[in-house]
N, C-alpha and C. Protein backbone atom coordinates (compact mmCIF):
# COMPACT_ATOMS: atom_id res chain seq x y z
N MET A 1 132.17 93.61 109.68
CA MET A 1 131.15 92.71 109.15
C MET A 1 130.01 93.50 108.52
N ARG A 2 129.58 94.57 109.21
CA ARG A 2 128.49 95.39 108.67
C ARG A 2 128.88 96.02 107.34
N LEU A 3 130.11 96.48 107.26
CA LEU A 3 130.58 97.09 106.02
C LEU A 3 130.54 96.07 104.89
N PHE A 4 130.96 94.85 105.15
CA PHE A 4 130.92 93.80 104.14
C PHE A 4 129.49 93.55 103.67
N VAL A 5 128.54 93.48 104.59
CA VAL A 5 127.14 93.23 104.23
C VAL A 5 126.60 94.39 103.40
N ARG A 6 126.92 95.61 103.80
CA ARG A 6 126.47 96.77 103.02
C ARG A 6 127.04 96.77 101.61
N LEU A 7 128.33 96.48 101.51
CA LEU A 7 128.96 96.44 100.19
C LEU A 7 128.36 95.33 99.34
N ALA A 8 128.08 94.19 99.95
CA ALA A 8 127.46 93.08 99.22
C ALA A 8 126.07 93.48 98.72
N LEU A 9 125.29 94.16 99.56
CA LEU A 9 123.96 94.60 99.15
C LEU A 9 124.03 95.64 98.03
N VAL A 10 124.96 96.59 98.13
CA VAL A 10 125.12 97.60 97.08
C VAL A 10 125.50 96.92 95.77
N GLY A 11 126.41 95.93 95.84
CA GLY A 11 126.79 95.19 94.65
C GLY A 11 125.63 94.44 94.04
N LEU A 12 124.81 93.82 94.89
CA LEU A 12 123.64 93.09 94.41
C LEU A 12 122.64 94.02 93.73
N VAL A 13 122.39 95.17 94.33
CA VAL A 13 121.47 96.15 93.73
C VAL A 13 122.02 96.61 92.38
N ALA A 14 123.32 96.84 92.30
CA ALA A 14 123.93 97.27 91.04
C ALA A 14 123.78 96.20 89.97
N LEU A 15 123.99 94.94 90.33
CA LEU A 15 123.82 93.85 89.36
C LEU A 15 122.38 93.75 88.87
N VAL A 16 121.43 93.91 89.77
CA VAL A 16 120.02 93.86 89.37
C VAL A 16 119.72 95.02 88.42
N ALA A 17 120.22 96.20 88.72
CA ALA A 17 119.98 97.36 87.86
C ALA A 17 120.59 97.14 86.47
N ILE A 18 121.80 96.62 86.42
CA ILE A 18 122.44 96.35 85.13
C ILE A 18 121.64 95.31 84.34
N GLY A 19 121.22 94.25 85.03
CA GLY A 19 120.41 93.22 84.37
C GLY A 19 119.12 93.78 83.82
N PHE A 20 118.49 94.67 84.59
CA PHE A 20 117.25 95.30 84.14
C PHE A 20 117.50 96.13 82.88
N LEU A 21 118.58 96.92 82.88
CA LEU A 21 118.88 97.74 81.71
C LEU A 21 119.18 96.88 80.49
N ILE A 22 119.92 95.81 80.66
CA ILE A 22 120.22 94.92 79.54
C ILE A 22 118.94 94.28 79.03
N ASN A 23 118.09 93.85 79.93
CA ASN A 23 116.83 93.20 79.57
C ASN A 23 115.92 94.17 78.81
N ARG A 24 115.88 95.42 79.24
CA ARG A 24 115.01 96.42 78.58
C ARG A 24 115.47 96.75 77.17
N THR A 25 116.76 96.65 76.92
CA THR A 25 117.27 97.04 75.60
C THR A 25 117.48 95.86 74.66
N SER A 26 117.21 94.66 75.11
CA SER A 26 117.42 93.51 74.23
C SER A 26 116.35 93.48 73.13
N PRO A 27 116.71 93.04 71.92
CA PRO A 27 115.77 93.04 70.81
C PRO A 27 114.52 92.21 71.07
N SER A 28 114.63 91.11 71.79
CA SER A 28 113.45 90.26 72.00
C SER A 28 112.38 90.98 72.80
N ASN A 29 112.76 91.93 73.64
CA ASN A 29 111.77 92.66 74.43
C ASN A 29 111.18 93.84 73.67
N GLN A 30 111.78 94.19 72.55
CA GLN A 30 111.27 95.32 71.79
C GLN A 30 110.26 94.88 70.73
N GLU A 31 110.13 93.60 70.47
CA GLU A 31 109.22 93.12 69.44
C GLU A 31 107.76 93.33 69.82
N SER A 32 107.40 93.04 71.06
CA SER A 32 106.03 93.25 71.48
C SER A 32 106.03 93.96 72.82
N THR A 33 105.42 95.11 72.84
CA THR A 33 105.38 95.93 74.04
C THR A 33 104.13 95.62 74.82
N PRO A 34 104.27 95.39 76.15
CA PRO A 34 103.07 95.15 76.94
C PRO A 34 102.18 96.38 76.93
N SER A 35 100.88 96.14 76.96
CA SER A 35 99.95 97.26 77.01
C SER A 35 98.75 96.89 77.86
N ALA A 36 98.33 97.85 78.67
CA ALA A 36 97.15 97.63 79.50
C ALA A 36 95.92 97.99 78.67
N ALA A 37 94.91 97.14 78.73
CA ALA A 37 93.66 97.41 78.03
C ALA A 37 92.99 98.63 78.65
N LYS A 38 92.30 99.43 77.84
CA LYS A 38 91.68 100.65 78.32
C LYS A 38 90.66 100.42 79.42
N ASP A 39 89.83 99.42 79.28
CA ASP A 39 88.79 99.17 80.28
C ASP A 39 89.23 98.16 81.34
N GLY A 40 90.49 97.74 81.30
CA GLY A 40 90.99 96.79 82.27
C GLY A 40 90.78 95.35 81.88
N GLN A 41 90.02 95.09 80.84
CA GLN A 41 89.74 93.72 80.41
C GLN A 41 90.42 93.45 79.08
N CYS A 42 91.03 92.29 78.97
CA CYS A 42 91.64 91.91 77.69
C CYS A 42 90.56 91.40 76.77
N SER A 43 90.64 91.80 75.52
CA SER A 43 89.63 91.33 74.57
C SER A 43 89.90 89.89 74.14
N GLU A 44 91.15 89.50 74.04
CA GLU A 44 91.46 88.14 73.60
C GLU A 44 92.41 87.41 74.53
N SER A 45 93.54 87.99 74.82
CA SER A 45 94.52 87.30 75.66
C SER A 45 95.30 88.31 76.48
N GLY A 46 95.84 87.83 77.59
CA GLY A 46 96.62 88.71 78.43
C GLY A 46 96.72 88.19 79.86
N THR A 47 97.38 88.98 80.68
CA THR A 47 97.55 88.67 82.09
C THR A 47 96.68 89.62 82.90
N SER A 48 95.80 89.07 83.73
CA SER A 48 94.89 89.88 84.55
C SER A 48 95.55 90.23 85.87
N LEU A 49 95.26 91.44 86.34
CA LEU A 49 95.78 91.91 87.62
C LEU A 49 94.64 92.58 88.38
N VAL A 50 94.39 92.11 89.60
CA VAL A 50 93.34 92.65 90.46
C VAL A 50 93.97 93.25 91.71
N ILE A 51 93.56 94.46 92.06
CA ILE A 51 94.00 95.10 93.28
C ILE A 51 92.77 95.36 94.14
N ASP A 52 92.71 94.71 95.30
CA ASP A 52 91.61 94.87 96.25
C ASP A 52 92.17 95.59 97.48
N PHE A 53 91.69 96.79 97.72
CA PHE A 53 92.22 97.61 98.81
C PHE A 53 91.73 97.15 100.18
N GLY A 54 90.95 96.11 100.23
CA GLY A 54 90.58 95.49 101.49
C GLY A 54 89.30 96.02 102.10
N SER A 55 88.87 95.32 103.14
CA SER A 55 87.59 95.64 103.78
C SER A 55 87.61 96.95 104.55
N GLY A 56 88.80 97.44 104.90
CA GLY A 56 88.89 98.69 105.64
C GLY A 56 89.00 99.93 104.77
N SER A 57 88.91 99.76 103.46
CA SER A 57 89.08 100.89 102.54
C SER A 57 87.79 101.17 101.78
N THR A 58 87.62 102.42 101.40
CA THR A 58 86.47 102.80 100.57
C THR A 58 86.84 102.80 99.09
N ARG A 59 88.09 102.51 98.77
CA ARG A 59 88.52 102.47 97.37
C ARG A 59 87.92 101.26 96.66
N ASN A 60 87.51 101.47 95.42
CA ASN A 60 87.01 100.36 94.59
C ASN A 60 88.19 99.52 94.11
N PRO A 61 87.98 98.23 93.94
CA PRO A 61 89.05 97.38 93.40
C PRO A 61 89.43 97.84 91.99
N ILE A 62 90.66 97.57 91.63
CA ILE A 62 91.17 97.88 90.29
C ILE A 62 91.32 96.56 89.55
N GLU A 63 90.84 96.51 88.32
CA GLU A 63 91.01 95.33 87.47
C GLU A 63 91.72 95.77 86.20
N LYS A 64 92.85 95.17 85.91
CA LYS A 64 93.64 95.49 84.72
C LYS A 64 93.94 94.21 83.96
N CYS A 65 94.23 94.36 82.70
CA CYS A 65 94.69 93.26 81.89
C CYS A 65 95.81 93.78 81.00
N VAL A 66 96.91 93.06 80.95
CA VAL A 66 98.06 93.49 80.17
C VAL A 66 98.32 92.46 79.07
N SER A 67 98.28 92.92 77.83
CA SER A 67 98.56 92.06 76.68
C SER A 67 100.07 92.02 76.44
N ASN A 68 100.53 90.94 75.87
CA ASN A 68 101.94 90.79 75.48
C ASN A 68 102.91 90.98 76.62
N PHE A 69 102.55 90.53 77.82
CA PHE A 69 103.44 90.71 78.96
C PHE A 69 104.26 89.46 79.22
N ASP A 70 105.54 89.68 79.51
CA ASP A 70 106.44 88.61 79.89
C ASP A 70 107.42 89.18 80.90
N GLY A 71 107.29 88.77 82.15
CA GLY A 71 108.19 89.29 83.17
C GLY A 71 107.70 88.96 84.56
N SER A 72 108.35 89.56 85.54
CA SER A 72 107.99 89.29 86.92
C SER A 72 106.68 89.98 87.28
N SER A 73 106.06 89.48 88.32
CA SER A 73 104.82 90.09 88.81
C SER A 73 105.07 91.52 89.28
N TRP A 74 106.28 91.81 89.73
CA TRP A 74 106.62 93.18 90.14
C TRP A 74 106.54 94.11 88.93
N LYS A 75 107.07 93.67 87.80
CA LYS A 75 107.05 94.49 86.58
C LYS A 75 105.65 94.59 85.98
N LEU A 76 104.77 93.66 86.34
CA LEU A 76 103.39 93.69 85.84
C LEU A 76 102.67 94.96 86.30
N PHE A 77 102.98 95.44 87.50
CA PHE A 77 102.36 96.67 87.99
C PHE A 77 102.59 97.83 87.02
N ALA A 78 103.84 98.04 86.63
CA ALA A 78 104.17 99.14 85.70
C ALA A 78 103.50 98.93 84.35
N ALA A 79 103.51 97.69 83.86
CA ALA A 79 102.89 97.40 82.57
C ALA A 79 101.39 97.68 82.61
N ALA A 80 100.78 97.54 83.79
CA ALA A 80 99.35 97.81 83.95
C ALA A 80 99.07 99.28 84.27
N GLY A 81 100.11 100.09 84.36
CA GLY A 81 99.94 101.51 84.65
C GLY A 81 99.70 101.80 86.12
N LEU A 82 100.15 100.90 86.99
CA LEU A 82 99.97 101.07 88.43
C LEU A 82 101.30 101.40 89.08
N GLU A 83 101.23 102.09 90.19
CA GLU A 83 102.42 102.48 90.93
C GLU A 83 102.60 101.53 92.12
N VAL A 84 103.77 100.96 92.25
CA VAL A 84 104.07 100.06 93.37
C VAL A 84 105.38 100.50 94.01
N SER A 85 105.43 100.39 95.32
CA SER A 85 106.69 100.67 96.01
C SER A 85 106.93 99.63 97.09
N GLY A 86 108.19 99.34 97.28
CA GLY A 86 108.60 98.40 98.30
C GLY A 86 108.96 99.13 99.58
N THR A 87 109.70 98.46 100.40
CA THR A 87 110.18 99.07 101.64
C THR A 87 111.62 99.51 101.45
N ASP A 88 112.12 100.34 102.35
CA ASP A 88 113.53 100.69 102.30
C ASP A 88 114.37 99.43 102.49
N GLN A 89 113.88 98.51 103.30
CA GLN A 89 114.57 97.27 103.60
C GLN A 89 114.60 96.35 102.36
N TYR A 90 113.46 96.27 101.63
CA TYR A 90 113.34 95.43 100.44
C TYR A 90 112.66 96.24 99.33
N PRO A 91 113.43 97.07 98.60
CA PRO A 91 112.84 97.99 97.63
C PRO A 91 112.02 97.35 96.52
N VAL A 92 112.42 96.16 96.04
CA VAL A 92 111.66 95.48 95.00
C VAL A 92 111.34 94.05 95.40
N GLY A 93 111.36 93.78 96.68
CA GLY A 93 111.12 92.43 97.14
C GLY A 93 109.89 92.28 98.00
N PHE A 94 109.34 93.39 98.48
CA PHE A 94 108.17 93.34 99.35
C PHE A 94 107.25 94.49 98.98
N VAL A 95 106.02 94.20 98.57
CA VAL A 95 105.07 95.24 98.20
C VAL A 95 104.55 95.91 99.47
N CYS A 96 104.81 97.21 99.57
CA CYS A 96 104.35 97.96 100.73
C CYS A 96 103.20 98.89 100.37
N ARG A 97 103.24 99.46 99.15
CA ARG A 97 102.23 100.45 98.77
C ARG A 97 101.87 100.26 97.30
N ILE A 98 100.57 100.25 96.99
CA ILE A 98 100.08 100.18 95.62
C ILE A 98 99.20 101.40 95.37
N ASN A 99 99.54 102.16 94.34
CA ASN A 99 98.81 103.38 94.01
C ASN A 99 98.57 104.26 95.23
N GLY A 100 99.62 104.41 96.03
CA GLY A 100 99.56 105.30 97.19
C GLY A 100 98.84 104.74 98.40
N PHE A 101 98.49 103.45 98.38
CA PHE A 101 97.76 102.86 99.51
C PHE A 101 98.57 101.75 100.14
N PRO A 102 98.70 101.72 101.44
CA PRO A 102 98.23 102.69 102.42
C PRO A 102 99.11 103.94 102.40
N ASP A 103 98.55 105.05 102.83
CA ASP A 103 99.33 106.29 102.79
C ASP A 103 100.39 106.29 103.90
N GLU A 104 101.27 107.28 103.83
CA GLU A 104 102.42 107.34 104.73
C GLU A 104 102.02 107.50 106.20
N SER A 105 100.83 108.02 106.48
CA SER A 105 100.43 108.16 107.88
C SER A 105 100.12 106.79 108.50
N LEU A 106 99.79 105.80 107.67
CA LEU A 106 99.51 104.46 108.17
C LEU A 106 100.73 103.55 108.11
N GLU A 107 101.56 103.73 107.09
CA GLU A 107 102.72 102.85 106.90
C GLU A 107 103.86 103.65 106.29
N ASN A 108 105.00 103.68 106.97
CA ASN A 108 106.14 104.45 106.46
C ASN A 108 106.99 103.69 105.44
N CYS A 109 106.77 102.39 105.30
CA CYS A 109 107.47 101.55 104.32
C CYS A 109 108.99 101.54 104.50
N ILE A 110 109.43 101.69 105.74
CA ILE A 110 110.87 101.57 106.01
C ILE A 110 111.23 100.10 106.16
N ASN A 111 110.54 99.42 107.06
CA ASN A 111 110.74 97.99 107.28
C ASN A 111 109.52 97.23 106.79
N THR A 112 109.62 95.92 106.75
CA THR A 112 108.50 95.08 106.33
C THR A 112 107.32 95.29 107.28
N PRO A 113 106.15 95.69 106.75
CA PRO A 113 104.99 95.91 107.61
C PRO A 113 104.56 94.62 108.29
N GLY A 114 104.08 94.76 109.50
CA GLY A 114 103.60 93.60 110.24
C GLY A 114 102.08 93.55 110.25
N SER A 115 101.56 92.53 110.87
CA SER A 115 100.11 92.36 110.91
C SER A 115 99.42 93.41 111.77
N SER A 116 100.18 94.12 112.60
CA SER A 116 99.56 95.15 113.45
C SER A 116 99.18 96.40 112.66
N THR A 117 99.82 96.63 111.50
CA THR A 117 99.49 97.79 110.68
C THR A 117 98.77 97.41 109.39
N GLY A 118 98.80 96.14 109.05
CA GLY A 118 98.21 95.68 107.79
C GLY A 118 99.28 95.55 106.72
N SER A 119 99.02 94.71 105.73
CA SER A 119 99.98 94.53 104.64
C SER A 119 99.28 93.91 103.44
N TRP A 120 99.97 93.95 102.30
CA TRP A 120 99.46 93.39 101.06
C TRP A 120 99.74 91.88 101.01
N ALA A 121 98.78 91.12 100.53
CA ALA A 121 98.93 89.69 100.31
C ALA A 121 98.76 89.41 98.82
N PHE A 122 99.56 88.49 98.30
CA PHE A 122 99.62 88.17 96.88
C PHE A 122 98.93 86.83 96.61
N PHE A 123 98.08 86.82 95.58
CA PHE A 123 97.32 85.63 95.22
C PHE A 123 97.45 85.36 93.72
N VAL A 124 97.37 84.11 93.34
CA VAL A 124 97.30 83.71 91.93
C VAL A 124 96.05 82.86 91.76
N ALA A 125 95.48 82.90 90.57
CA ALA A 125 94.28 82.12 90.30
C ALA A 125 94.67 80.72 89.87
N ILE A 126 94.10 79.74 90.55
CA ILE A 126 94.30 78.34 90.21
C ILE A 126 92.91 77.71 90.10
N ASP A 127 92.60 77.19 88.92
CA ASP A 127 91.29 76.59 88.67
C ASP A 127 90.14 77.55 89.02
N GLY A 128 90.32 78.81 88.67
CA GLY A 128 89.25 79.81 88.87
C GLY A 128 89.09 80.32 90.29
N LYS A 129 90.01 79.96 91.19
CA LYS A 129 89.93 80.42 92.57
C LYS A 129 91.26 81.03 93.00
N TRP A 130 91.18 82.04 93.86
CA TRP A 130 92.39 82.67 94.37
C TRP A 130 93.09 81.75 95.36
N GLU A 131 94.41 81.64 95.21
CA GLU A 131 95.24 80.88 96.13
C GLU A 131 96.38 81.80 96.58
N TYR A 132 96.63 81.83 97.88
CA TYR A 132 97.73 82.64 98.40
C TYR A 132 99.05 82.16 97.81
N SER A 133 99.89 83.09 97.37
CA SER A 133 101.17 82.74 96.77
C SER A 133 102.28 82.84 97.81
N PRO A 134 103.05 81.77 97.98
CA PRO A 134 104.18 81.83 98.89
C PRO A 134 105.38 82.55 98.28
N VAL A 135 105.30 82.86 96.99
CA VAL A 135 106.38 83.56 96.28
C VAL A 135 105.95 85.01 96.09
N GLY A 136 106.85 85.94 96.33
CA GLY A 136 106.54 87.36 96.19
C GLY A 136 106.56 87.83 94.75
N ALA A 137 106.23 89.10 94.56
CA ALA A 137 106.10 89.68 93.23
C ALA A 137 107.40 89.69 92.44
N ALA A 138 108.53 89.90 93.12
CA ALA A 138 109.80 89.95 92.40
C ALA A 138 110.24 88.57 91.94
N GLY A 139 109.83 87.53 92.65
CA GLY A 139 110.26 86.17 92.31
C GLY A 139 109.26 85.37 91.49
N HIS A 140 108.06 85.91 91.32
CA HIS A 140 107.02 85.19 90.58
C HIS A 140 106.98 85.66 89.14
N LYS A 141 106.93 84.75 88.20
CA LYS A 141 106.84 85.10 86.78
C LYS A 141 105.39 85.10 86.35
N ALA A 142 104.92 86.25 85.93
CA ALA A 142 103.55 86.37 85.43
C ALA A 142 103.49 85.74 84.04
N LYS A 143 102.39 85.06 83.78
CA LYS A 143 102.24 84.39 82.49
C LYS A 143 100.94 84.82 81.82
N CYS A 144 100.98 84.86 80.50
CA CYS A 144 99.78 85.17 79.74
C CYS A 144 98.72 84.11 80.04
N GLY A 145 97.49 84.56 80.20
CA GLY A 145 96.40 83.64 80.47
C GLY A 145 96.14 83.40 81.94
N THR A 146 96.91 84.07 82.80
CA THR A 146 96.73 83.88 84.24
C THR A 146 96.17 85.15 84.87
N ALA A 147 95.74 85.01 86.12
CA ALA A 147 95.25 86.15 86.89
C ALA A 147 96.04 86.23 88.18
N GLU A 148 96.40 87.45 88.54
CA GLU A 148 97.11 87.70 89.78
C GLU A 148 96.31 88.71 90.57
N GLY A 149 96.30 88.56 91.89
CA GLY A 149 95.52 89.44 92.72
C GLY A 149 96.27 89.87 93.97
N TRP A 150 95.99 91.07 94.40
CA TRP A 150 96.56 91.62 95.62
C TRP A 150 95.42 92.12 96.50
N ARG A 151 95.50 91.82 97.78
CA ARG A 151 94.50 92.33 98.72
C ARG A 151 95.22 92.87 99.94
N PHE A 152 94.78 94.07 100.35
CA PHE A 152 95.34 94.64 101.56
C PHE A 152 94.62 94.01 102.74
N LEU A 153 95.39 93.39 103.62
CA LEU A 153 94.83 92.73 104.79
C LEU A 153 94.96 93.66 105.99
N SER A 154 93.83 94.04 106.54
CA SER A 154 93.82 94.88 107.74
C SER A 154 94.26 94.04 108.94
N PRO A 155 94.67 94.69 110.02
CA PRO A 155 95.06 93.93 111.21
C PRO A 155 93.96 92.94 111.61
N GLY A 156 94.36 91.72 111.86
CA GLY A 156 93.42 90.68 112.27
C GLY A 156 92.92 89.79 111.14
N GLU A 157 93.06 90.24 109.88
CA GLU A 157 92.64 89.39 108.76
C GLU A 157 93.72 88.34 108.49
N VAL A 158 93.28 87.19 108.03
CA VAL A 158 94.22 86.09 107.78
C VAL A 158 94.62 86.05 106.31
N LEU A 159 95.71 85.35 106.03
CA LEU A 159 96.24 85.27 104.67
C LEU A 159 95.28 84.65 103.67
N THR A 160 94.30 83.92 104.15
CA THR A 160 93.34 83.30 103.23
C THR A 160 92.24 84.28 102.81
N SER A 161 92.30 85.53 103.26
CA SER A 161 91.33 86.56 102.85
C SER A 161 91.71 87.03 101.45
N ALA A 162 91.20 86.36 100.46
CA ALA A 162 91.55 86.60 99.06
C ALA A 162 90.86 87.85 98.52
N PRO A 163 91.32 88.35 97.36
CA PRO A 163 90.62 89.46 96.72
C PRO A 163 89.14 89.13 96.53
N ARG A 164 88.30 90.15 96.68
CA ARG A 164 86.86 89.93 96.59
C ARG A 164 86.35 89.98 95.16
N VAL A 165 87.23 90.18 94.20
CA VAL A 165 86.89 90.19 92.78
C VAL A 165 87.24 88.83 92.21
N LYS A 166 86.31 88.23 91.49
CA LYS A 166 86.55 86.91 90.89
C LYS A 166 87.67 87.00 89.85
N PRO A 167 88.59 86.03 89.88
CA PRO A 167 89.68 86.08 88.88
C PRO A 167 89.16 85.78 87.47
N ILE A 168 89.66 86.53 86.52
CA ILE A 168 89.30 86.31 85.11
C ILE A 168 90.59 85.94 84.38
N THR A 169 90.57 84.79 83.72
CA THR A 169 91.73 84.37 82.95
C THR A 169 91.36 84.35 81.47
N HIS A 170 92.37 84.43 80.64
CA HIS A 170 92.19 84.50 79.18
C HIS A 170 93.06 83.45 78.52
N SER A 171 92.59 82.94 77.43
CA SER A 171 93.44 82.00 76.68
C SER A 171 94.54 82.79 76.00
N CYS A 172 95.66 82.14 75.79
CA CYS A 172 96.80 82.82 75.18
C CYS A 172 97.38 81.97 74.07
N GLU A 173 96.75 82.01 72.94
CA GLU A 173 97.26 81.28 71.78
C GLU A 173 98.17 82.19 71.00
N LYS A 174 99.29 81.65 70.60
CA LYS A 174 100.24 82.48 69.85
C LYS A 174 100.37 81.98 68.45
């Protein structure tokens, strides 16, 4: 039974990788390349991304804006020039580390982190306010004109502890 599950998982990972390669080389994706604005703010339109390292960190929040983006919230990290990693258990399904935070001494990212060590929470802006997203980064489609936020929740913080940076959205007329 274990062998069957492992083979099924390997097959699933292979299919995702093939789909990613096909998607990257398709002509429709080559027409407009996503780009992160230099100062993190879009001048006219784009998808905003906020990273709040939480109340237990001395790191300043990161604010990015990516123009011409179309894809999953997981892929938005790369388009914004940020580094994201999942767990060994869920390599692209659970955000464990963003730009090296938390470091390996706090979280090894083998299994899904629990509330005892802290973890990242995902938010989307709705009517100018952060709302916790029940859908993860791999399953959520980022859209132009929206804002997405991540906040590291220290042990004891609740899921409603949204990013401390106000969401900024942009109109997206094409």
